[in-house]
Protein backbone atom coordinates (compact mmCIF):
# COMPACT_ATOMS: atom_id res chain seq x y z
CA MET A 1 -22.64 126.77 30.60
CA ASP A 2 -23.90 123.33 29.75
CA ILE A 3 -24.22 121.45 33.01
CA VAL A 4 -25.91 118.63 31.11
CA ALA A 5 -22.77 118.24 29.10
CA ILE A 6 -20.68 117.96 32.26
CA ILE A 7 -23.00 115.51 33.94
CA ASN A 8 -22.97 113.28 30.78
CA GLU A 9 -19.11 113.56 30.79
CA ILE A 10 -19.13 112.36 34.38
CA ILE A 11 -21.47 109.57 33.70
CA ASN A 12 -19.37 108.42 30.66
CA GLU A 13 -15.74 108.89 32.01
CA VAL A 14 -15.82 108.20 35.83
CA ASN A 15 -15.20 104.71 36.96
CA PRO A 16 -17.32 104.05 39.97
CA LEU A 17 -15.52 100.78 40.73
CA ILE A 18 -12.30 102.31 41.93
CA GLU A 19 -11.52 103.68 45.49
CA HIS A 20 -13.97 106.60 46.68
CA LYS A 21 -11.18 109.29 46.78
CA ASP A 22 -10.08 108.32 43.27
CA THR A 23 -13.61 108.49 41.92
CA VAL A 24 -13.97 111.99 43.55
CA SER A 25 -10.72 113.11 41.88
CA GLN A 26 -11.91 111.99 38.51
CA ILE A 27 -15.03 114.03 39.03
CA GLU A 28 -13.05 116.98 40.22
CA MET A 29 -10.71 116.94 37.08
CA ILE A 30 -13.74 117.16 34.88
CA PHE A 31 -15.08 120.27 36.65
CA ARG A 32 -11.60 121.82 36.63
CA LYS A 33 -11.44 121.16 32.81
CA HIS A 34 -14.71 123.14 32.45
CA GLY A 35 -13.16 126.07 34.28
CA PHE A 36 -14.46 125.37 37.81
CA TYR A 37 -12.66 126.16 41.08
CA THR A 38 -13.01 123.10 43.24
CA THR A 39 -12.88 122.32 46.99
CA ARG A 40 -12.64 118.80 48.43
CA GLU A 41 -13.97 117.96 51.71
CA TYR A 42 -15.86 121.18 52.06
CA PRO A 43 -16.74 121.76 55.65
CA ILE A 44 -20.53 121.96 56.71
CA TYR A 45 -22.42 122.27 60.00
CA LYS A 46 -22.79 119.30 62.44
CA ILE A 47 -24.32 116.10 61.13
CA LYS A 48 -27.55 115.50 62.87
CA ASP A 49 -26.88 112.04 64.09
CA GLY A 50 -26.11 112.93 67.76
CA SER A 51 -22.50 112.45 67.34
CA GLY A 52 -21.72 116.08 67.28
CA ARG A 53 -19.25 115.57 64.32
CA ARG A 54 -18.86 118.24 61.74
CA GLY A 55 -19.69 116.97 58.28
CA ARG A 56 -17.84 117.34 55.10
CA ILE A 57 -19.22 117.42 51.35
CA ASP A 58 -16.85 115.38 49.12
CA LEU A 59 -16.67 117.94 46.49
CA VAL A 60 -17.95 121.58 45.86
CA ALA A 61 -17.25 123.18 42.44
CA ARG A 62 -17.87 126.83 41.65
CA LYS A 63 -17.77 129.02 38.54
CA GLY A 64 -18.95 132.47 38.90
CA LYS A 65 -22.25 132.42 40.75
CA PHE A 66 -22.79 128.75 39.79
CA ARG A 67 -22.06 126.25 42.44
CA VAL A 68 -22.39 122.43 42.40
CA ALA A 69 -22.07 120.05 45.45
CA ILE A 70 -21.14 116.48 45.10
CA GLU A 71 -21.76 113.90 47.97
CA TYR A 72 -20.47 110.64 46.38
CA ASP A 73 -21.76 107.29 48.00
CA HIS A 74 -20.36 104.02 46.84
CA HIS A 75 -23.31 102.13 48.53
CA GLU A 76 -26.31 100.64 46.78
CA VAL A 77 -28.62 102.51 49.23
CA ILE A 78 -27.77 106.22 49.89
CA LYS A 79 -26.92 106.97 53.45
CA TRP A 80 -29.31 109.38 55.12
CA LYS A 81 -26.34 111.38 56.50
CA SER A 82 -25.54 112.18 52.95
CA PHE A 83 -28.85 113.91 52.47
CA GLN A 84 -28.36 115.64 55.68
CA LYS A 85 -25.00 117.04 54.58
CA ILE A 86 -26.01 118.07 51.00
CA VAL A 87 -28.92 120.05 52.03
CA GLN A 88 -26.83 122.33 54.32
CA ILE A 89 -25.01 123.96 51.46
CA LYS A 90 -26.63 126.50 49.04
CA VAL A 91 -26.17 125.28 45.49
CA THR A 92 -27.29 125.90 42.14
CA VAL A 93 -27.37 122.14 41.26
């Protein structure tokens, strides 16, 4: 499996200027095209911001033992809670 080719395809084909959900849908379709099973809004443990809310990862793609987690931020500065969420899932990439 060539994850670099998939990442390059995402960079070249995904439009970051559209709505968040549509951008994540574009990324999801690329992973599915390469034979990945995908889960949107993958539940994780509580976000450590004191709110007690459960977090969700935008997209998790799996193929065999290979797992990729995507937390997509539209902001110029990545939010701290995005890092808190992504480190809670055991991923290959």
